Amino acid sequence: MMHVISLIASVALPLFNLPLIIRVIRRKSSGDISLTWAWGVWICFLLMAPDGLTTTDTVWKTFIIANLILFTAVVVTVTIYRRRG
């Protein structure tokens, strides 16, 4: 049961990036989000990815994949809307 709960959380946690992306798109601005923070977090996820992708732990692997996809979307969105401003 704990494994199932953890697996659900590993997918649910990265989904909290979606409201951030939506807010930036609706406001057409990412001026309140630090590019250093966004790129720094993304680089850390990227550096953790080899371990997450090669592990046999499904929770960790799922979390890494979901976070890489959704946080990449955050970084792309923040960077695009920063250039427009």
N, C-alpha and C. Protein backbone atom coordinates (compact mmCIF):
# COMPACT_ATOMS: atom_id res chain seq x y z
N MET A 1 0.82 -1.20 0.00
CA MET A 1 0.00 0.00 0.00
C MET A 1 0.87 1.26 0.00
N MET A 2 1.93 1.27 0.79
CA MET A 2 2.83 2.43 0.84
C MET A 2 3.50 2.66 -0.51
N HIS A 3 3.82 1.59 -1.21
CA HIS A 3 4.45 1.73 -2.52
C HIS A 3 3.49 2.40 -3.51
N VAL A 4 2.24 2.01 -3.47
CA VAL A 4 1.24 2.59 -4.37
C VAL A 4 1.05 4.08 -4.05
N ILE A 5 0.96 4.41 -2.77
CA ILE A 5 0.83 5.81 -2.36
C ILE A 5 2.04 6.62 -2.83
N SER A 6 3.22 6.07 -2.66
CA SER A 6 4.44 6.75 -3.08
C SER A 6 4.48 6.93 -4.60
N LEU A 7 4.03 5.95 -5.33
CA LEU A 7 4.00 6.03 -6.79
C LEU A 7 3.03 7.12 -7.25
N ILE A 8 1.88 7.18 -6.61
CA ILE A 8 0.91 8.23 -6.94
C ILE A 8 1.51 9.61 -6.63
N ALA A 9 2.16 9.74 -5.49
CA ALA A 9 2.78 11.01 -5.12
C ALA A 9 3.91 11.39 -6.08
N SER A 10 4.63 10.41 -6.60
CA SER A 10 5.74 10.70 -7.51
C SER A 10 5.24 11.29 -8.83
N VAL A 11 4.00 11.02 -9.18
CA VAL A 11 3.39 11.62 -10.35
C VAL A 11 2.69 12.92 -9.99
N ALA A 12 2.04 12.94 -8.84
CA ALA A 12 1.25 14.10 -8.42
C ALA A 12 2.13 15.32 -8.13
N LEU A 13 3.26 15.13 -7.49
CA LEU A 13 4.11 16.26 -7.11
C LEU A 13 4.54 17.09 -8.31
N PRO A 14 5.05 16.50 -9.38
CA PRO A 14 5.42 17.32 -10.54
C PRO A 14 4.23 18.01 -11.21
N LEU A 15 3.02 17.51 -11.01
CA LEU A 15 1.84 18.15 -11.61
C LEU A 15 1.60 19.56 -11.04
N PHE A 16 2.18 19.84 -9.89
CA PHE A 16 2.04 21.17 -9.32
C PHE A 16 2.82 22.22 -10.11
N ASN A 17 3.59 21.79 -11.11
CA ASN A 17 4.23 22.73 -12.03
C ASN A 17 3.22 23.32 -13.01
N LEU A 18 2.14 22.61 -13.26
CA LEU A 18 1.16 23.07 -14.25
C LEU A 18 0.53 24.42 -13.89
N PRO A 19 0.13 24.67 -12.63
CA PRO A 19 -0.42 25.99 -12.32
C PRO A 19 0.58 27.13 -12.56
N LEU A 20 1.86 26.86 -12.33
CA LEU A 20 2.89 27.86 -12.59
C LEU A 20 2.96 28.17 -14.09
N ILE A 21 2.96 27.15 -14.91
CA ILE A 21 3.00 27.33 -16.36
C ILE A 21 1.76 28.10 -16.82
N ILE A 22 0.60 27.70 -16.35
CA ILE A 22 -0.64 28.36 -16.73
C ILE A 22 -0.63 29.83 -16.32
N ARG A 23 -0.14 30.11 -15.11
CA ARG A 23 -0.10 31.50 -14.63
C ARG A 23 0.79 32.36 -15.52
N VAL A 24 1.94 31.85 -15.90
CA VAL A 24 2.86 32.60 -16.76
C VAL A 24 2.21 32.86 -18.11
N ILE A 25 1.56 31.86 -18.67
CA ILE A 25 0.93 32.03 -19.98
C ILE A 25 -0.22 33.04 -19.90
N ARG A 26 -1.04 32.93 -18.88
CA ARG A 26 -2.18 33.87 -18.75
C ARG A 26 -1.71 35.31 -18.55
N ARG A 27 -0.66 35.49 -17.74
CA ARG A 27 -0.15 36.83 -17.48
C ARG A 27 0.74 37.33 -18.60
N LYS A 28 1.21 36.41 -19.43
CA LYS A 28 2.14 36.73 -20.51
C LYS A 28 3.42 37.37 -19.97
N SER A 29 3.82 36.91 -18.78
CA SER A 29 5.03 37.44 -18.15
C SER A 29 5.59 36.41 -17.17
N SER A 30 6.91 36.33 -17.13
CA SER A 30 7.57 35.49 -16.14
C SER A 30 8.57 36.32 -15.34
N GLY A 31 8.31 37.63 -15.29
CA GLY A 31 9.24 38.53 -14.62
C GLY A 31 9.43 38.27 -13.14
N ASP A 32 8.46 37.63 -12.50
CA ASP A 32 8.58 37.37 -11.07
C ASP A 32 9.26 36.03 -10.76
N ILE A 33 9.68 35.32 -11.79
CA ILE A 33 10.35 34.02 -11.61
C ILE A 33 11.80 34.16 -12.03
N SER A 34 12.69 33.80 -11.14
CA SER A 34 14.12 33.91 -11.40
C SER A 34 14.56 32.88 -12.44
N LEU A 35 15.22 33.37 -13.48
CA LEU A 35 15.78 32.45 -14.47
C LEU A 35 16.88 31.59 -13.86
N THR A 36 17.64 32.16 -12.94
CA THR A 36 18.69 31.40 -12.25
C THR A 36 18.08 30.24 -11.48
N TRP A 37 16.98 30.50 -10.79
CA TRP A 37 16.30 29.45 -10.04
C TRP A 37 15.79 28.37 -10.99
N ALA A 38 15.08 28.77 -12.04
CA ALA A 38 14.48 27.81 -12.96
C ALA A 38 15.55 26.93 -13.62
N TRP A 39 16.59 27.55 -14.15
CA TRP A 39 17.64 26.78 -14.80
C TRP A 39 18.44 25.96 -13.79
N GLY A 40 18.64 26.49 -12.59
CA GLY A 40 19.37 25.76 -11.55
C GLY A 40 18.65 24.49 -11.13
N VAL A 41 17.34 24.59 -10.92
CA VAL A 41 16.54 23.42 -10.56
C VAL A 41 16.56 22.41 -11.70
N TRP A 42 16.40 22.89 -12.93
CA TRP A 42 16.37 21.99 -14.08
C TRP A 42 17.71 21.25 -14.24
N ILE A 43 18.81 21.97 -14.05
CA ILE A 43 20.13 21.33 -14.16
C ILE A 43 20.30 20.27 -13.07
N CYS A 44 19.82 20.56 -11.87
CA CYS A 44 19.90 19.55 -10.79
C CYS A 44 19.08 18.31 -11.15
N PHE A 45 17.87 18.50 -11.69
CA PHE A 45 17.08 17.34 -12.13
C PHE A 45 17.81 16.57 -13.22
N LEU A 46 18.42 17.29 -14.14
CA LEU A 46 19.16 16.65 -15.21
C LEU A 46 20.34 15.83 -14.67
N LEU A 47 21.03 16.37 -13.67
CA LEU A 47 22.16 15.65 -13.07
C LEU A 47 21.71 14.43 -12.27
N MET A 48 20.48 14.46 -11.75
CA MET A 48 19.95 13.31 -11.01
C MET A 48 19.37 12.25 -11.96
N ALA A 49 19.09 12.64 -13.19
CA ALA A 49 18.41 11.77 -14.14
C ALA A 49 19.12 10.43 -14.39
N PRO A 50 20.43 10.38 -14.57
CA PRO A 50 21.05 9.07 -14.83
C PRO A 50 20.76 8.04 -13.74
N ASP A 51 20.81 8.47 -12.49
CA ASP A 51 20.51 7.55 -11.40
C ASP A 51 19.04 7.15 -11.42
N GLY A 52 18.17 8.13 -11.65
CA GLY A 52 16.75 7.85 -11.67
C GLY A 52 16.32 6.96 -12.82
N LEU A 53 16.98 7.10 -13.95
CA LEU A 53 16.61 6.29 -15.12
C LEU A 53 17.17 4.88 -15.09
N THR A 54 18.21 4.65 -14.30
CA THR A 54 18.82 3.32 -14.24
C THR A 54 18.43 2.53 -13.00
N THR A 55 17.70 3.15 -12.10
CA THR A 55 17.33 2.47 -10.86
C THR A 55 16.23 1.44 -11.10
N THR A 56 16.13 0.50 -10.20
CA THR A 56 15.02 -0.46 -10.25
C THR A 56 13.84 0.03 -9.41
N ASP A 57 14.02 1.11 -8.70
CA ASP A 57 12.96 1.70 -7.87
C ASP A 57 11.97 2.45 -8.76
N THR A 58 10.77 1.93 -8.90
CA THR A 58 9.79 2.52 -9.81
C THR A 58 9.33 3.90 -9.36
N VAL A 59 9.30 4.13 -8.05
CA VAL A 59 8.87 5.45 -7.55
C VAL A 59 9.88 6.51 -7.96
N TRP A 60 11.14 6.25 -7.73
CA TRP A 60 12.20 7.20 -8.07
C TRP A 60 12.24 7.43 -9.58
N LYS A 61 12.16 6.35 -10.35
CA LYS A 61 12.21 6.46 -11.81
C LYS A 61 11.02 7.27 -12.33
N THR A 62 9.84 7.01 -11.81
CA THR A 62 8.64 7.74 -12.22
C THR A 62 8.75 9.21 -11.87
N PHE A 63 9.23 9.50 -10.67
CA PHE A 63 9.40 10.88 -10.23
C PHE A 63 10.37 11.64 -11.13
N ILE A 64 11.49 11.03 -11.45
CA ILE A 64 12.50 11.69 -12.30
C ILE A 64 11.92 11.97 -13.69
N ILE A 65 11.27 10.99 -14.28
CA ILE A 65 10.71 11.17 -15.62
C ILE A 65 9.65 12.26 -15.62
N ALA A 66 8.72 12.19 -14.68
CA ALA A 66 7.66 13.19 -14.61
C ALA A 66 8.22 14.58 -14.35
N ASN A 67 9.19 14.69 -13.46
CA ASN A 67 9.78 15.99 -13.15
C ASN A 67 10.57 16.54 -14.32
N LEU A 68 11.32 15.71 -15.01
CA LEU A 68 12.07 16.19 -16.17
C LEU A 68 11.13 16.74 -17.23
N ILE A 69 10.05 16.04 -17.48
CA ILE A 69 9.12 16.50 -18.51
C ILE A 69 8.45 17.81 -18.09
N LEU A 70 7.87 17.82 -16.90
CA LEU A 70 7.11 19.00 -16.49
C LEU A 70 7.99 20.19 -16.13
N PHE A 71 9.14 19.95 -15.52
CA PHE A 71 9.99 21.11 -15.20
C PHE A 71 10.68 21.64 -16.46
N THR A 72 10.91 20.79 -17.44
CA THR A 72 11.40 21.29 -18.72
C THR A 72 10.37 22.25 -19.32
N ALA A 73 9.10 21.91 -19.19
CA ALA A 73 8.04 22.79 -19.67
C ALA A 73 8.05 24.12 -18.91
N VAL A 74 8.32 24.07 -17.61
CA VAL A 74 8.42 25.30 -16.81
C VAL A 74 9.56 26.18 -17.32
N VAL A 75 10.72 25.59 -17.50
CA VAL A 75 11.90 26.35 -17.94
C VAL A 75 11.67 26.95 -19.33
N VAL A 76 11.12 26.17 -20.23
CA VAL A 76 10.84 26.67 -21.57
C VAL A 76 9.85 27.83 -21.51
N THR A 77 8.78 27.66 -20.76
CA THR A 77 7.76 28.70 -20.65
C THR A 77 8.33 29.97 -20.03
N VAL A 78 9.04 29.82 -18.93
CA VAL A 78 9.63 30.98 -18.25
C VAL A 78 10.61 31.71 -19.16
N THR A 79 11.43 30.96 -19.87
CA THR A 79 12.43 31.56 -20.76
C THR A 79 11.76 32.27 -21.93
N ILE A 80 10.76 31.65 -22.53
CA ILE A 80 10.06 32.29 -23.67
C ILE A 80 9.41 33.59 -23.22
N TYR A 81 8.68 33.55 -22.11
CA TYR A 81 7.97 34.75 -21.67
C TYR A 81 8.91 35.80 -21.09
N ARG A 82 10.09 35.43 -20.69
CA ARG A 82 11.07 36.41 -20.24
C ARG A 82 11.61 37.17 -21.43
N ARG A 83 11.84 36.49 -22.53
CA ARG A 83 12.35 37.15 -23.73
C ARG A 83 11.33 38.09 -24.34
N ARG A 84 10.05 37.76 -24.21
CA ARG A 84 9.00 38.61 -24.75
C ARG A 84 8.86 39.91 -23.97
N GLY A 85 9.18 39.84 -22.67
CA GLY A 85 9.00 41.02 -21.81
C GLY A 85 10.05 42.05 -22.10
